[in-house]
Amino acid sequence: MNVDRRYLMFALCYAVLGMVLGIYMAASHDHAEFITHAHILLVGFAVSFIYATIHRLWLVAPGRGIANLQFVLHQLSAATMTGGLFLMFANKVPAPTIEPILAASSIAVLLGMLLMIYMVIRYRG
């Protein structure tokens, strides 16, 4: 499966996850996870969808290794961030314990973006 299609599939899965969490919060009147909800939809859905679009429309034969590295880095860091935020705002893990993991996942998302910028510059159409 091409990187653009993998990004699209992950984006749609994040969209469903974000919508389910949003519906749960509305039904339960418990909005403690609104930050998690926002990150699922922004970092998970929106950024993955944007990456899918960039791969499909603007990148001409990016290096397979760097494209796969960037994909895996983004997906692992987005999932780690989502899980960490969920645990923190559900009061399952204390903030001081989870914050280093959240910081590392945030930096990894940034590194993924920097790799995308590199690919856009290097492999533009």
C-alpha atoms as a PDB file:
ATOM      1  CA  MET A   1       0.000   0.000   0.000  1.00  0.00           C
ATOM      2  CA  ASN A   2       1.328   3.451  -0.905  1.00  0.00           C
ATOM      3  CA  VAL A   3       2.239   5.903   1.828  1.00  0.00           C
ATOM      4  CA  ASP A   4      -0.546   8.285   0.761  1.00  0.00           C
ATOM      5  CA  ARG A   5      -3.160   5.543   1.131  1.00  0.00           C
ATOM      6  CA  ARG A   6      -1.775   4.439   4.501  1.00  0.00           C
ATOM      7  CA  TYR A   7      -1.966   8.026   5.740  1.00  0.00           C
ATOM      8  CA  LEU A   8      -5.542   8.282   4.472  1.00  0.00           C
ATOM      9  CA  MET A   9      -6.577   5.051   6.213  1.00  0.00           C
ATOM     10  CA  PHE A  10      -5.022   6.146   9.512  1.00  0.00           C
ATOM     11  CA  ALA A  11      -6.593   9.606   9.170  1.00  0.00           C
ATOM     12  CA  LEU A  12     -10.046   8.093   8.761  1.00  0.00           C
ATOM     13  CA  CYS A  13      -9.505   5.810  11.762  1.00  0.00           C
ATOM     14  CA  TYR A  14      -8.486   8.813  13.878  1.00  0.00           C
ATOM     15  CA  ALA A  15     -11.589  10.669  12.655  1.00  0.00           C
ATOM     16  CA  VAL A  16     -13.817   7.817  13.842  1.00  0.00           C
ATOM     17  CA  LEU A  17     -11.987   7.631  17.188  1.00  0.00           C
ATOM     18  CA  GLY A  18     -12.317  11.394  17.699  1.00  0.00           C
ATOM     19  CA  MET A  19     -16.007  11.348  16.803  1.00  0.00           C
ATOM     20  CA  VAL A  20     -16.711   8.423  19.139  1.00  0.00           C
ATOM     21  CA  LEU A  21     -14.960  10.218  21.998  1.00  0.00           C
ATOM     22  CA  GLY A  22     -16.888  13.412  21.202  1.00  0.00           C
ATOM     23  CA  ILE A  23     -20.223  11.569  21.187  1.00  0.00           C
ATOM     24  CA  TYR A  24     -19.310   9.857  24.469  1.00  0.00           C
ATOM     25  CA  MET A  25     -18.470  13.205  26.080  1.00  0.00           C
ATOM     26  CA  ALA A  26     -21.734  14.733  24.877  1.00  0.00           C
ATOM     27  CA  ALA A  27     -23.825  11.795  26.045  1.00  0.00           C
ATOM     28  CA  SER A  28     -22.132  11.539  29.450  1.00  0.00           C
ATOM     29  CA  HIS A  29     -21.888  15.321  30.007  1.00  0.00           C
ATOM     30  CA  ASP A  30     -18.286  14.624  31.032  1.00  0.00           C
ATOM     31  CA  HIS A  31     -15.956  16.753  28.940  1.00  0.00           C
ATOM     32  CA  ALA A  32     -12.744  15.928  30.815  1.00  0.00           C
ATOM     33  CA  GLU A  33     -11.245  14.432  27.649  1.00  0.00           C
ATOM     34  CA  PHE A  34     -11.839  17.454  25.396  1.00  0.00           C
ATOM     35  CA  ILE A  35      -8.097  18.037  25.016  1.00  0.00           C
ATOM     36  CA  THR A  36      -7.609  14.398  24.022  1.00  0.00           C
ATOM     37  CA  HIS A  37     -10.518  14.738  21.584  1.00  0.00           C
ATOM     38  CA  ALA A  38      -8.926  17.824  20.009  1.00  0.00           C
ATOM     39  CA  HIS A  39      -5.523  16.154  19.647  1.00  0.00           C
ATOM     40  CA  ILE A  40      -7.016  13.012  18.105  1.00  0.00           C
ATOM     41  CA  LEU A  41      -8.754  15.116  15.480  1.00  0.00           C
ATOM     42  CA  LEU A  42      -5.916  17.561  14.860  1.00  0.00           C
ATOM     43  CA  VAL A  43      -2.709  15.515  15.128  1.00  0.00           C
ATOM     44  CA  GLY A  44      -4.289  12.181  14.227  1.00  0.00           C
ATOM     45  CA  PHE A  45      -6.908  13.026  11.611  1.00  0.00           C
ATOM     46  CA  ALA A  46      -6.069  16.441  10.155  1.00  0.00           C
ATOM     47  CA  VAL A  47      -2.277  16.141  10.007  1.00  0.00           C
ATOM     48  CA  SER A  48      -2.438  12.562   8.664  1.00  0.00           C
ATOM     49  CA  PHE A  49      -4.922  13.691   6.012  1.00  0.00           C
ATOM     50  CA  ILE A  50      -2.717  16.626   5.055  1.00  0.00           C
ATOM     51  CA  TYR A  51       0.278  14.289   4.782  1.00  0.00           C
ATOM     52  CA  ALA A  52      -1.762  11.936   2.577  1.00  0.00           C
ATOM     53  CA  THR A  53      -2.638  14.859   0.324  1.00  0.00           C
ATOM     54  CA  ILE A  54       0.974  16.069   0.127  1.00  0.00           C
ATOM     55  CA  HIS A  55       2.196  12.581  -0.757  1.00  0.00           C
ATOM     56  CA  ARG A  56      -0.500  12.176  -3.398  1.00  0.00           C
ATOM     57  CA  LEU A  57      -0.311  15.593  -5.046  1.00  0.00           C
ATOM     58  CA  TRP A  58       3.139  17.080  -4.508  1.00  0.00           C
ATOM     59  CA  LEU A  59       5.798  14.463  -3.890  1.00  0.00           C
ATOM     60  CA  VAL A  60       7.449  12.794  -6.865  1.00  0.00           C
ATOM     61  CA  ALA A  61       9.064   9.478  -5.927  1.00  0.00           C
ATOM     62  CA  PRO A  62      10.254  10.312  -2.413  1.00  0.00           C
ATOM     63  CA  GLY A  63      12.836   7.951  -1.010  1.00  0.00           C
ATOM     64  CA  ARG A  64      10.970   4.902   0.251  1.00  0.00           C
ATOM     65  CA  GLY A  65      13.038   4.772   3.436  1.00  0.00           C
ATOM     66  CA  ILE A  66      12.468   8.387   4.456  1.00  0.00           C
ATOM     67  CA  ALA A  67       8.767   8.263   3.528  1.00  0.00           C
ATOM     68  CA  ASN A  68       8.256   5.129   5.624  1.00  0.00           C
ATOM     69  CA  LEU A  69      10.319   6.539   8.504  1.00  0.00           C
ATOM     70  CA  GLN A  70       8.251   9.716   8.508  1.00  0.00           C
ATOM     71  CA  PHE A  71       4.995   7.728   8.368  1.00  0.00           C
ATOM     72  CA  VAL A  72       5.949   5.433  11.255  1.00  0.00           C
ATOM     73  CA  LEU A  73       7.318   8.332  13.328  1.00  0.00           C
ATOM     74  CA  HIS A  74       4.129  10.334  12.908  1.00  0.00           C
ATOM     75  CA  GLN A  75       1.760   7.449  13.600  1.00  0.00           C
ATOM     76  CA  LEU A  76       3.636   6.186  16.669  1.00  0.00           C
ATOM     77  CA  SER A  77       3.972   9.667  18.138  1.00  0.00           C
ATOM     78  CA  ALA A  78       0.323  10.546  17.434  1.00  0.00           C
ATOM     79  CA  ALA A  79      -0.851   7.291  19.044  1.00  0.00           C
ATOM     80  CA  THR A  80       1.468   7.786  22.037  1.00  0.00           C
ATOM     81  CA  MET A  81       0.271  11.356  22.478  1.00  0.00           C
ATOM     82  CA  THR A  82      -3.376  10.319  22.222  1.00  0.00           C
ATOM     83  CA  GLY A  83      -2.971   7.479  24.702  1.00  0.00           C
ATOM     84  CA  GLY A  84      -0.978   9.610  27.122  1.00  0.00           C
ATOM     85  CA  LEU A  85      -3.485  12.445  27.076  1.00  0.00           C
ATOM     86  CA  PHE A  86      -6.345  10.003  27.554  1.00  0.00           C
ATOM     87  CA  LEU A  87      -4.669   8.434  30.586  1.00  0.00           C
ATOM     88  CA  MET A  88      -3.772  11.794  32.086  1.00  0.00           C
ATOM     89  CA  PHE A  89      -7.209  13.397  31.699  1.00  0.00           C
ATOM     90  CA  ALA A  90      -8.962  10.224  32.881  1.00  0.00           C
ATOM     91  CA  ASN A  91      -6.837  10.531  36.039  1.00  0.00           C
ATOM     92  CA  LYS A  92      -5.375   7.061  35.460  1.00  0.00           C
ATOM     93  CA  VAL A  93      -1.759   8.275  35.434  1.00  0.00           C
ATOM     94  CA  PRO A  94      -0.528  11.362  37.322  1.00  0.00           C
ATOM     95  CA  ALA A  95       0.588  14.268  35.169  1.00  0.00           C
ATOM     96  CA  PRO A  96       4.206  14.285  36.437  1.00  0.00           C
ATOM     97  CA  THR A  97       4.522  10.649  35.392  1.00  0.00           C
ATOM     98  CA  ILE A  98       3.066  10.987  31.881  1.00  0.00           C
ATOM     99  CA  GLU A  99       4.364  14.467  30.964  1.00  0.00           C
ATOM    100  CA  PRO A 100       7.848  13.249  29.857  1.00  0.00           C
ATOM    101  CA  ILE A 101       6.154  10.781  27.492  1.00  0.00           C
ATOM    102  CA  LEU A 102       3.861  13.512  26.186  1.00  0.00           C
ATOM    103  CA  ALA A 103       6.858  15.803  25.683  1.00  0.00           C
ATOM    104  CA  ALA A 104       8.738  13.119  23.754  1.00  0.00           C
ATOM    105  CA  SER A 105       5.716  12.377  21.570  1.00  0.00           C
ATOM    106  CA  SER A 106       5.256  16.095  20.859  1.00  0.00           C
ATOM    107  CA  ILE A 107       8.892  16.394  19.784  1.00  0.00           C
ATOM    108  CA  ALA A 108       8.472  13.296  17.613  1.00  0.00           C
ATOM    109  CA  VAL A 109       5.423  14.875  15.896  1.00  0.00           C
ATOM    110  CA  LEU A 110       7.572  17.941  15.228  1.00  0.00           C
ATOM    111  CA  LEU A 111      10.374  15.768  13.817  1.00  0.00           C
ATOM    112  CA  GLY A 112       7.829  14.129  11.529  1.00  0.00           C
ATOM    113  CA  MET A 113       6.804  17.549  10.271  1.00  0.00           C
ATOM    114  CA  LEU A 114      10.427  18.503   9.677  1.00  0.00           C
ATOM    115  CA  LEU A 115      10.902  15.301   7.660  1.00  0.00           C
ATOM    116  CA  MET A 116       7.821  16.223   5.615  1.00  0.00           C
ATOM    117  CA  ILE A 117       9.256  19.669   4.929  1.00  0.00           C
ATOM    118  CA  TYR A 118      12.501  18.021   3.794  1.00  0.00           C
ATOM    119  CA  MET A 119      10.600  15.686   1.456  1.00  0.00           C
ATOM    120  CA  VAL A 120       8.574  18.567   0.005  1.00  0.00           C
ATOM    121  CA  ILE A 121      11.775  20.472  -0.717  1.00  0.00           C
ATOM    122  CA  ARG A 122      13.735  17.442  -1.985  1.00  0.00           C
ATOM    123  CA  TYR A 123      11.061  15.507  -3.899  1.00  0.00           C
ATOM    124  CA  ARG A 124       8.701  18.223  -5.114  1.00  0.00           C
ATOM    125  CA  GLY A 125       6.890  17.797  -8.382  1.00  0.00           C
END
